[in-house]
């Protein structure tokens, strides 16, 4: 999204304990989720974030596809936005490539197929991804 984001992993219990104000409980109860934390002060410097965060969040909550991480909720405090997302336990593709230095052809084929299917799904839903 932008360079002002961090990714942390929480359990639903952490949402009750974390921060200075209570969060609403999310529907994943005891599941582990990924939370993208966006600092509002730093995000104000990025006009793309301030203009599009809510709209993109609404779109992402509507999209359902096995190769697209599901956005479960958007939480907001005085200082931050929290994008609560489905946790993909395998990590991200860039990290995997960085660790291995290269992918075998059959692995690359699998990931390219998944990317194409995900982008095709977004296009059919009227969402253009750059």
Protein backbone atom coordinates (compact mmCIF):
# COMPACT_ATOMS: atom_id res chain seq x y z
CA UNK A 1 0.00 0.00 0.00
CA UNK A 2 2.56 2.57 1.10
CA UNK A 3 5.83 2.77 2.98
CA UNK A 4 4.04 3.85 6.17
CA UNK A 5 2.60 0.40 6.86
CA UNK A 6 3.72 -2.37 9.17
CA UNK A 7 2.43 -5.92 9.37
CA UNK A 8 1.90 -7.59 12.72
CA UNK A 9 0.26 -10.83 13.75
CA UNK A 10 -2.33 -10.87 16.53
CA UNK A 11 -4.89 -13.24 17.93
CA UNK A 12 -8.42 -11.98 18.51
CA UNK A 13 -7.67 -11.83 22.24
CA UNK A 14 -4.91 -9.31 21.53
CA UNK A 15 -7.49 -6.92 20.08
CA UNK A 16 -9.16 -6.70 23.46
CA UNK A 17 -5.84 -6.04 25.22
CA UNK A 18 -3.97 -3.94 22.65
CA UNK A 19 -4.11 -0.18 22.42
CA UNK A 20 -5.58 2.59 24.52
CA UNK A 21 -9.21 2.05 23.58
CA UNK A 22 -11.24 -1.12 23.21
CA UNK A 23 -11.69 -2.58 19.76
CA UNK A 24 -14.85 -4.27 18.64
CA UNK A 25 -14.48 -8.04 18.64
CA UNK A 26 -13.95 -9.44 15.21
CA UNK A 27 -15.71 -12.53 13.94
CA UNK A 28 -12.62 -14.70 13.84
CA UNK A 29 -12.69 -15.24 17.64
CA UNK A 30 -9.61 -17.40 18.37
CA UNK A 31 -8.09 -17.44 14.88
CA UNK A 32 -4.80 -15.75 14.10
CA UNK A 33 -5.08 -12.84 11.71
CA UNK A 34 -2.69 -10.43 10.01
CA UNK A 35 -3.09 -6.77 10.89
CA UNK A 36 -1.71 -4.02 8.69
CA UNK A 37 -1.14 -0.95 10.86
CA UNK A 38 -1.25 2.42 9.12
CA UNK A 39 -0.12 5.42 11.15
CA UNK A 40 -2.50 8.32 10.44
CA UNK A 41 0.12 11.05 10.79
CA UNK A 42 2.44 9.41 8.29
CA UNK A 43 -0.43 8.41 6.00
CA UNK A 44 -1.53 12.05 5.70
CA UNK A 45 1.65 12.62 3.71
CA UNK A 46 0.50 10.03 1.16
CA UNK A 47 -2.56 11.41 -0.63
CA UNK A 48 -3.29 8.02 -2.22
CA UNK A 49 -3.81 6.45 1.20
CA UNK A 50 -6.01 9.23 2.52
CA UNK A 51 -8.16 9.31 -0.63
CA UNK A 52 -8.58 5.59 -1.22
CA UNK A 53 -8.27 3.64 2.05
CA UNK A 54 -11.97 3.31 2.80
CA UNK A 55 -13.03 2.69 -0.81
CA UNK A 56 -10.39 0.02 -1.35
CA UNK A 57 -11.30 -1.55 1.97
CA UNK A 58 -14.94 -1.82 0.94
CA UNK A 59 -13.97 -3.37 -2.40
CA UNK A 60 -11.57 -5.83 -0.78
CA UNK A 61 -14.22 -6.93 1.72
CA UNK A 62 -16.53 -7.83 -1.18
CA UNK A 63 -13.93 -9.89 -3.07
CA UNK A 64 -13.90 -13.61 -2.29
CA UNK A 65 -11.23 -15.74 -3.94
CA UNK A 66 -8.89 -18.48 -2.68
CA UNK A 67 -5.79 -16.61 -3.93
CA UNK A 68 -6.71 -13.19 -2.50
CA UNK A 69 -6.29 -12.55 1.24
CA UNK A 70 -9.67 -11.65 2.71
CA UNK A 71 -10.02 -8.29 4.45
CA UNK A 72 -12.05 -9.08 7.57
CA UNK A 73 -12.40 -5.66 9.12
CA UNK A 74 -11.07 -2.11 9.24
CA UNK A 75 -10.57 -0.65 12.70
CA UNK A 76 -9.69 2.93 13.50
CA UNK A 77 -8.27 4.64 16.56
CA UNK A 78 -7.21 8.23 17.03
CA UNK A 79 -3.71 7.50 15.72
CA UNK A 80 -3.99 4.49 13.40
CA UNK A 81 -6.00 2.45 10.95
CA UNK A 82 -5.91 -1.34 11.35
CA UNK A 83 -6.67 -3.57 8.37
CA UNK A 84 -7.56 -6.98 9.80
CA UNK A 85 -6.87 -9.62 7.18
CA UNK A 86 -6.87 -13.34 6.74
CA UNK A 87 -3.42 -14.65 7.64
CA UNK A 88 -1.61 -16.45 4.84
CA UNK A 89 0.67 -18.74 6.86
CA UNK A 90 3.06 -19.44 3.98
CA UNK A 91 4.26 -15.83 3.90
CA UNK A 92 4.43 -13.73 0.78
CA UNK A 93 5.89 -14.66 -2.58
CA UNK A 94 8.57 -11.97 -2.58
CA UNK A 95 9.94 -13.23 0.74
CA UNK A 96 9.96 -16.80 -0.57
CA UNK A 97 11.88 -15.79 -3.71
CA UNK A 98 14.32 -13.73 -1.65
CA UNK A 99 15.02 -16.68 0.68
CA UNK A 100 15.43 -19.28 -2.08
CA UNK A 101 17.16 -16.92 -4.55
CA UNK A 102 15.18 -18.64 -7.33
CA UNK A 103 12.13 -20.82 -7.87
CA UNK A 104 12.01 -24.11 -9.68
CA UNK A 105 9.98 -23.98 -12.89
CA UNK A 106 7.07 -26.00 -11.45
CA UNK A 107 6.88 -23.63 -8.44
CA UNK A 108 6.99 -20.54 -10.65
CA UNK A 109 4.28 -22.02 -12.87
CA UNK A 110 2.06 -22.64 -9.82
CA UNK A 111 2.44 -19.07 -8.51
CA UNK A 112 1.97 -17.46 -11.93
CA UNK A 113 -1.22 -19.48 -12.42
CA UNK A 114 -2.52 -18.34 -9.01
CA UNK A 115 -1.71 -14.71 -9.80
CA UNK A 116 -3.44 -14.89 -13.18
CA UNK A 117 -6.55 -16.47 -11.65
CA UNK A 118 -6.67 -13.82 -8.91
CA UNK A 119 -6.23 -10.90 -11.33
CA UNK A 120 -8.80 -12.43 -13.70
CA UNK A 121 -11.27 -12.63 -10.81
CA UNK A 122 -10.64 -8.97 -9.95
CA UNK A 123 -11.14 -7.90 -13.57
CA UNK A 124 -14.41 -9.84 -13.83
CA UNK A 125 -15.57 -8.08 -10.66
CA UNK A 126 -14.79 -4.72 -12.28
CA UNK A 127 -11.70 -4.10 -10.16
CA UNK A 128 -8.52 -3.06 -11.94
CA UNK A 129 -5.30 -3.82 -10.08
CA UNK A 130 -2.06 -2.07 -10.99
